[in-house]
Amino acid sequence: MILSVIVTAAAAFLLSWLIGFRLVPWLRALKLGQVINDIGPTWHKYKEGTPTMGGLMFITGTVIASVGGFLMLNKLSDPVLSASMDVEWKRLVINLVCCLAFALIGFDDDYHKILNHQNMGLTAMQKVILQILVSAAYLIAMHFWGDCSTAIWLPVLGDVEFGILYYPLLIFSIVGIVNAVNLTDGVDGLAASATMVTAVGFMVISSLLNNPGDLIFSTAVGASLIGFLYWNIKPAKVFMGDTGSMFLGGAVVAMSFGCKREFLMLVSGILFVIEAFSDIIQTCYFKLTHGKRIFKMAPIHHHFEMSGWSEEKIVFVFSLISLAGNLLSIYMTMLS
């Protein structure tokens, strides 16, 4: 198993990193540049025109490396482990299709932004409807080809049966996490760094739970993001776009479902939850007080940016928050 993980990590990193040497100039030549929102920090304006949809790098790296790594793992596995690999393979395929479906929604959004030369693609309602459909399809696929259980593992309590409530509750959570990761992508390297930390966390969790399929997938996600960060850390040579951020949102969901620890996407993804709630709090407070604000700007990384924090400091501190959430998830797993 160790050899499969090493090969997966190496392949994911190299694919994601090397693709950039071709993809970035190609995106620049096609003038597929990011449009910067006028209401954002004024100093972000210099980023306008930076190529977007760079998430195609780590998407390609994750898909190819995870499939290749799993096939290698299956080939090297002993007969006892191989007998259970069929379910793991189906779960991996479902997870990859889910991530790609969310990426397609993001791609459509990016395309409309570039086509219309504005920072507005699909409407919020259009995106939510599409995300709900993908989430529902994902849960149905998991029910028939992955795991038909409607119990959710909770710390201390163990598996708690939710019955029919499992589906609306999980659809709401999936859509929330996907949009939360999307909101986090507002500073060079932030979403990629935080998700990379989350992927490493799930590598440890899946190892503790002896879940080889999820270990391979989380390894591919984490390593491909390291390759992407070469292109995305400040000053970013390329942005991941909604194509990439929605794929990563799907990946956080997939990693938690892959090891049957759905609850942990909220703990390991605590940074994304904070980002989403800061935006919700700001919007609600603004409407209730007729124009007053709690934060200088939401989501919260922009508040700290407008308070004088550098982008590098935001990425470092927020990645530590992500690390704390993942260490807590690992601790919860060890206690179960």
Protein backbone atom coordinates (compact mmCIF):
# COMPACT_ATOMS: atom_id res chain seq x y z
CA MET A 1 0.00 0.00 0.00
CA ILE A 2 2.83 2.39 0.83
CA LEU A 3 4.30 2.03 -2.68
CA SER A 4 0.89 2.82 -4.23
CA VAL A 5 0.54 5.94 -2.08
CA ILE A 6 4.04 7.15 -3.01
CA VAL A 7 3.43 6.59 -6.74
CA THR A 8 0.03 8.31 -6.51
CA ALA A 9 1.53 11.34 -4.75
CA ALA A 10 4.40 11.63 -7.23
CA ALA A 11 2.12 11.27 -10.26
CA ALA A 12 -0.45 13.77 -8.95
CA PHE A 13 2.20 16.38 -8.11
CA LEU A 14 4.08 16.06 -11.39
CA LEU A 15 0.95 16.07 -13.55
CA SER A 16 -0.50 19.13 -11.86
CA TRP A 17 2.81 21.02 -11.89
CA LEU A 18 3.88 20.12 -15.42
CA ILE A 19 0.48 20.81 -17.01
CA GLY A 20 0.87 24.41 -15.86
CA PHE A 21 3.75 24.99 -18.26
CA ARG A 22 1.35 24.38 -21.14
CA LEU A 23 -1.95 25.46 -19.65
CA VAL A 24 -1.01 28.90 -18.32
CA PRO A 25 0.38 30.24 -21.65
CA TRP A 26 -2.60 28.69 -23.48
CA LEU A 27 -5.13 30.38 -21.17
CA ARG A 28 -3.24 33.65 -21.51
CA ALA A 29 -3.21 33.36 -25.31
CA LEU A 30 -6.97 32.76 -25.33
CA LYS A 31 -7.38 35.81 -23.05
CA LEU A 32 -9.27 33.74 -20.49
CA GLY A 33 -8.52 36.24 -17.74
CA GLN A 34 -10.19 36.86 -14.39
CA VAL A 35 -12.54 39.83 -14.02
CA ILE A 36 -12.10 41.56 -10.64
CA ASN A 37 -15.17 42.75 -8.75
CA ASP A 38 -15.21 46.56 -8.35
CA ILE A 39 -16.51 46.30 -4.78
CA GLY A 40 -13.54 44.24 -3.67
CA PRO A 41 -10.22 45.50 -2.31
CA THR A 42 -8.93 48.15 -4.71
CA TRP A 43 -5.43 46.63 -4.76
CA HIS A 44 -6.85 43.45 -6.34
CA LYS A 45 -7.35 45.35 -9.58
CA TYR A 46 -3.80 44.60 -10.70
CA LYS A 47 -4.81 40.92 -10.82
CA GLU A 48 -7.38 41.57 -13.52
CA GLY A 49 -6.58 39.56 -16.62
CA THR A 50 -4.71 36.83 -14.73
CA PRO A 51 -5.61 33.53 -16.44
CA THR A 52 -8.39 31.61 -14.73
CA MET A 53 -9.68 28.02 -14.85
CA GLY A 54 -6.23 26.85 -13.72
CA GLY A 55 -8.04 24.29 -11.57
CA LEU A 56 -7.81 22.07 -14.64
CA MET A 57 -4.25 21.33 -13.47
CA PHE A 58 -5.13 19.65 -10.19
CA ILE A 59 -8.35 18.21 -11.58
CA THR A 60 -6.33 16.32 -14.19
CA GLY A 61 -3.68 15.33 -11.67
CA THR A 62 -6.24 14.10 -9.15
CA VAL A 63 -8.29 12.04 -11.60
CA ILE A 64 -5.40 10.34 -13.41
CA ALA A 65 -3.28 9.74 -10.29
CA SER A 66 -6.14 8.42 -8.14
CA VAL A 67 -7.32 5.98 -10.84
CA GLY A 68 -3.77 4.84 -11.58
CA GLY A 69 -2.89 4.56 -7.90
CA PHE A 70 -6.01 2.55 -7.15
CA LEU A 71 -5.38 0.14 -10.03
CA MET A 72 -1.82 -0.32 -8.81
CA LEU A 73 -3.04 -0.89 -5.26
CA ASN A 74 -5.57 -3.44 -6.47
CA LYS A 75 -2.92 -5.30 -8.45
CA LEU A 76 -0.52 -5.45 -5.50
CA SER A 77 -3.17 -6.31 -2.91
CA ASP A 78 -3.43 -9.72 -1.32
CA PRO A 79 -6.54 -11.83 -2.11
CA VAL A 80 -8.26 -10.94 1.18
CA LEU A 81 -7.98 -7.20 0.54
CA SER A 82 -8.79 -7.57 -3.16
CA ALA A 83 -12.16 -9.08 -2.29
CA SER A 84 -13.26 -5.75 -0.79
CA MET A 85 -11.72 -3.58 -3.49
CA ASP A 86 -14.76 -3.78 -5.77
CA VAL A 87 -16.80 -1.61 -3.38
CA GLU A 88 -13.82 0.72 -2.93
CA TRP A 89 -13.48 1.06 -6.72
CA LYS A 90 -17.17 1.92 -7.17
CA ARG A 91 -16.93 4.48 -4.37
CA LEU A 92 -13.86 6.07 -5.97
CA VAL A 93 -15.56 6.33 -9.37
CA ILE A 94 -18.68 7.87 -7.80
CA ASN A 95 -16.54 10.37 -5.89
CA LEU A 96 -14.60 11.38 -9.00
CA VAL A 97 -17.79 11.80 -11.04
CA CYS A 98 -19.26 13.93 -8.25
CA CYS A 99 -16.19 16.19 -8.14
CA LEU A 100 -16.19 16.53 -11.94
CA ALA A 101 -19.90 17.37 -11.97
CA PHE A 102 -19.32 20.21 -9.52
CA ALA A 103 -16.33 21.31 -11.62
CA LEU A 104 -18.59 21.48 -14.68
CA ILE A 105 -20.95 23.83 -12.82
CA GLY A 106 -17.93 25.98 -11.97
CA PHE A 107 -16.70 25.83 -15.58
CA ASP A 108 -20.07 27.04 -16.82
CA ASP A 109 -19.89 29.89 -14.31
CA ASP A 110 -16.33 30.81 -15.36
CA TYR A 111 -17.27 30.68 -19.02
CA HIS A 112 -20.17 33.10 -18.59
CA LYS A 113 -18.00 35.49 -16.55
CA ILE A 114 -15.37 35.60 -19.28
CA LEU A 115 -17.95 35.76 -22.06
CA ASN A 116 -19.79 38.67 -20.45
CA HIS A 117 -16.59 40.39 -19.22
CA GLN A 118 -17.96 40.74 -15.69
CA ASN A 119 -17.57 39.07 -12.30
CA MET A 120 -21.00 37.46 -12.54
CA GLY A 121 -21.64 34.18 -14.29
CA LEU A 122 -24.51 31.92 -13.35
CA THR A 123 -27.02 33.38 -10.91
CA ALA A 124 -26.92 32.17 -7.31
CA MET A 125 -30.22 30.34 -7.83
CA GLN A 126 -28.97 28.59 -10.96
CA LYS A 127 -25.84 27.38 -9.17
CA VAL A 128 -27.73 26.16 -6.11
CA ILE A 129 -30.27 24.24 -8.20
CA LEU A 130 -27.49 22.54 -10.15
CA GLN A 131 -25.58 21.78 -6.95
CA ILE A 132 -28.67 20.25 -5.34
CA LEU A 133 -29.19 18.03 -8.38
CA VAL A 134 -25.57 16.86 -8.32
CA SER A 135 -25.72 16.26 -4.55
CA ALA A 136 -28.93 14.25 -4.83
CA ALA A 137 -27.50 12.19 -7.70
CA TYR A 138 -24.35 11.56 -5.65
CA LEU A 139 -26.31 10.28 -2.65
CA ILE A 140 -28.47 8.07 -4.87
CA ALA A 141 -25.35 6.62 -6.52
CA MET A 142 -23.77 5.98 -3.13
CA HIS A 143 -26.97 4.27 -1.99
CA PHE A 144 -27.06 1.83 -4.90
CA TRP A 145 -23.37 1.31 -5.64
CA GLY A 146 -21.49 2.41 -2.57
CA ASP A 147 -23.12 2.28 0.86
CA CYS A 148 -26.87 2.18 1.46
CA SER A 149 -26.56 3.09 5.15
CA THR A 150 -28.48 6.16 6.35
CA ALA A 151 -26.54 6.38 9.61
CA ILE A 152 -24.10 9.22 10.28
CA TRP A 153 -21.07 8.73 12.48
CA LEU A 154 -20.93 11.31 15.27
CA PRO A 155 -18.18 11.77 17.87
CA VAL A 156 -18.82 9.85 21.12
CA LEU A 157 -22.23 8.67 19.88
CA GLY A 158 -20.96 6.51 17.03
CA ASP A 159 -23.32 5.66 14.15
CA VAL A 160 -26.64 7.45 14.57
CA GLU A 161 -29.51 6.42 12.30
CA PHE A 162 -31.21 9.34 10.54
CA GLY A 163 -33.48 7.41 8.20
CA ILE A 164 -35.09 9.49 5.47
CA LEU A 165 -33.75 12.69 7.08
CA TYR A 166 -30.27 11.57 6.04
CA TYR A 167 -30.82 12.74 2.46
CA PRO A 168 -32.03 16.34 2.91
CA LEU A 169 -29.54 16.87 5.73
CA LEU A 170 -26.61 15.65 3.64
CA ILE A 171 -27.73 17.51 0.50
CA PHE A 172 -27.80 20.72 2.53
CA SER A 173 -24.34 19.97 3.97
CA ILE A 174 -22.81 19.09 0.59
CA VAL A 175 -24.12 22.23 -1.12
CA GLY A 176 -22.95 24.28 1.87
CA ILE A 177 -19.39 22.91 1.81
CA VAL A 178 -19.04 23.28 -1.96
CA ASN A 179 -20.08 26.92 -1.80
CA ALA A 180 -17.94 27.51 1.29
CA VAL A 181 -14.80 26.33 -0.51
CA ASN A 182 -15.80 28.53 -3.44
CA LEU A 183 -16.05 31.55 -1.10
CA THR A 184 -12.61 30.81 0.35
CA ASP A 185 -10.97 31.25 -3.04
CA GLY A 186 -10.38 35.00 -2.78
CA VAL A 187 -6.69 35.29 -1.91
CA ASP A 188 -3.74 33.84 -3.81
CA GLY A 189 -3.10 30.29 -2.60
CA LEU A 190 -5.72 30.28 0.17
CA ALA A 191 -8.27 27.72 -1.06
CA ALA A 192 -5.55 25.44 -2.43
CA SER A 193 -3.49 25.56 0.79
CA ALA A 194 -6.46 24.98 3.09
CA THR A 195 -7.77 22.08 1.00
CA MET A 196 -4.30 20.57 0.77
CA VAL A 197 -4.15 20.53 4.58
CA THR A 198 -7.60 18.92 4.66
CA ALA A 199 -6.47 16.27 2.18
CA VAL A 200 -3.48 15.41 4.37
CA GLY A 201 -5.84 15.17 7.33
CA PHE A 202 -8.03 12.68 5.49
CA MET A 203 -4.94 10.71 4.47
CA VAL A 204 -4.29 10.12 8.16
CA ILE A 205 -7.96 9.42 8.93
CA SER A 206 -8.34 6.92 6.08
CA SER A 207 -5.12 5.20 7.21
CA LEU A 208 -6.47 4.90 10.76
CA LEU A 209 -9.70 3.44 9.40
CA ASN A 210 -7.82 1.13 7.01
CA ASN A 211 -9.63 2.60 4.01
CA PRO A 212 -7.26 2.23 1.02
CA GLY A 213 -9.56 3.79 -1.59
CA ASP A 214 -9.98 7.03 0.33
CA LEU A 215 -6.27 7.08 1.16
CA ILE A 216 -5.40 6.99 -2.54
CA PHE A 217 -7.96 9.67 -3.40
CA SER A 218 -6.96 12.07 -0.61
CA THR A 219 -3.29 11.55 -1.50
CA ALA A 220 -4.00 12.48 -5.12
CA VAL A 221 -5.92 15.60 -4.08
CA GLY A 222 -3.25 16.79 -1.66
CA ALA A 223 -0.27 16.14 -3.96
CA SER A 224 -1.91 17.70 -7.01
CA LEU A 225 -2.62 20.86 -4.98
CA ILE A 226 1.05 21.11 -4.01
CA GLY A 227 1.86 21.08 -7.73
CA PHE A 228 -0.79 23.71 -8.38
CA LEU A 229 0.44 25.99 -5.60
CA TYR A 230 3.63 26.59 -7.59
CA TRP A 231 1.41 28.52 -9.99
CA ASN A 232 -1.09 29.92 -7.50
CA ILE A 233 0.89 31.34 -4.57
CA LYS A 234 1.32 35.12 -4.56
CA PRO A 235 1.79 36.56 -7.07
CA ALA A 236 -0.54 34.07 -8.73
CA LYS A 237 0.29 33.19 -12.31
CA VAL A 238 -3.12 31.57 -12.64
CA PHE A 239 -6.36 31.33 -10.64
CA MET A 240 -8.23 28.08 -10.12
CA GLY A 241 -11.55 29.71 -11.02
CA ASP A 242 -14.91 28.31 -9.97
CA THR A 243 -13.97 25.29 -12.07
CA GLY A 244 -11.28 24.45 -9.53
CA SER A 245 -12.91 25.67 -6.32
CA MET A 246 -16.11 23.70 -6.90
CA PHE A 247 -14.07 20.59 -7.72
CA LEU A 248 -12.26 21.05 -4.41
CA GLY A 249 -15.58 21.48 -2.60
CA GLY A 250 -16.66 18.17 -4.10
CA ALA A 251 -13.32 16.66 -3.07
CA VAL A 252 -13.79 17.65 0.60
CA VAL A 253 -17.22 15.98 0.46
CA ALA A 254 -15.85 12.91 -1.31
CA MET A 255 -13.00 12.42 1.17
CA SER A 256 -15.40 12.46 4.12
CA PHE A 257 -17.88 10.13 2.43
CA GLY A 258 -15.07 7.86 1.24
CA CYS A 259 -14.19 6.93 4.81
CA LYS A 260 -17.82 7.05 5.97
CA ARG A 261 -17.22 10.05 8.20
CA GLU A 262 -19.59 12.60 6.67
CA PHE A 263 -19.64 14.70 9.85
CA LEU A 264 -15.91 15.31 9.59
CA MET A 265 -16.25 17.44 6.46
CA LEU A 266 -17.54 20.15 8.83
CA VAL A 267 -14.66 19.67 11.29
CA SER A 268 -11.82 19.13 8.82
CA GLY A 269 -13.36 21.87 6.71
CA ILE A 270 -13.79 24.23 9.68
CA LEU A 271 -12.06 27.06 7.82
CA PHE A 272 -14.58 26.80 4.99
CA VAL A 273 -17.43 26.78 7.50
CA ILE A 274 -16.05 29.95 9.12
CA GLU A 275 -15.74 31.65 5.74
CA ALA A 276 -19.32 30.76 4.81
CA PHE A 277 -20.79 31.86 8.13
CA SER A 278 -18.92 35.17 8.01
CA ASP A 279 -20.61 35.85 4.68
CA ILE A 280 -24.04 34.82 6.01
CA ILE A 281 -23.64 36.91 9.18
CA GLN A 282 -22.53 39.95 7.16
CA THR A 283 -25.47 39.67 4.77
CA CYS A 284 -28.07 39.18 7.51
CA TYR A 285 -26.68 41.99 9.66
CA PHE A 286 -26.52 44.32 6.65
CA LYS A 287 -30.20 43.71 5.88
CA LEU A 288 -31.39 43.90 9.49
CA THR A 289 -29.55 47.14 10.24
CA HIS A 290 -30.21 48.78 6.85
CA GLY A 291 -26.63 49.01 5.68
CA LYS A 292 -24.42 48.48 8.73
CA ARG A 293 -21.60 45.90 8.64
CA ILE A 294 -19.88 43.71 11.20
CA PHE A 295 -16.86 42.99 9.00
CA LYS A 296 -15.07 45.45 6.75
CA MET A 297 -15.78 42.99 3.98
CA ALA A 298 -16.95 39.39 3.74
CA PRO A 299 -16.01 36.61 3.52
CA ILE A 300 -13.73 37.06 6.47
CA HIS A 301 -10.37 36.75 4.70
CA HIS A 302 -11.17 40.06 2.99
CA HIS A 303 -11.87 41.64 6.40
CA PHE A 304 -8.34 40.82 7.53
CA GLU A 305 -6.95 41.88 4.18
CA MET A 306 -8.61 45.28 4.52
CA SER A 307 -7.31 45.44 8.10
CA GLY A 308 -3.76 45.39 6.79
CA TRP A 309 -2.89 41.70 6.73
CA SER A 310 -0.79 40.59 3.77
CA GLU A 311 -2.08 37.77 1.60
CA GLU A 312 0.82 35.60 2.76
CA LYS A 313 -0.15 36.13 6.42
CA ILE A 314 -3.79 35.30 5.69
CA VAL A 315 -2.84 32.08 3.92
CA PHE A 316 -0.49 31.07 6.77
CA VAL A 317 -2.90 31.82 9.63
CA PHE A 318 -5.95 30.39 7.89
CA SER A 319 -4.02 27.24 6.97
CA LEU A 320 -3.21 26.84 10.67
CA ILE A 321 -6.95 27.04 11.40
CA SER A 322 -7.50 24.32 8.81
CA LEU A 323 -4.72 22.29 10.44
CA ALA A 324 -6.37 22.64 13.85
CA GLY A 325 -9.68 21.37 12.46
CA ASN A 326 -7.98 18.38 10.87
CA LEU A 327 -6.03 17.52 14.00
CA LEU A 328 -9.34 17.55 15.87
CA SER A 329 -10.84 15.25 13.23
CA ILE A 330 -7.92 12.86 13.59
CA TYR A 331 -8.31 12.88 17.38
CA MET A 332 -12.05 12.17 17.06
CA THR A 333 -11.27 9.26 14.74
CA MET A 334 -8.71 7.81 17.14
CA LEU A 335 -11.30 7.88 19.94
CA SER A 336 -13.90 6.01 17.88
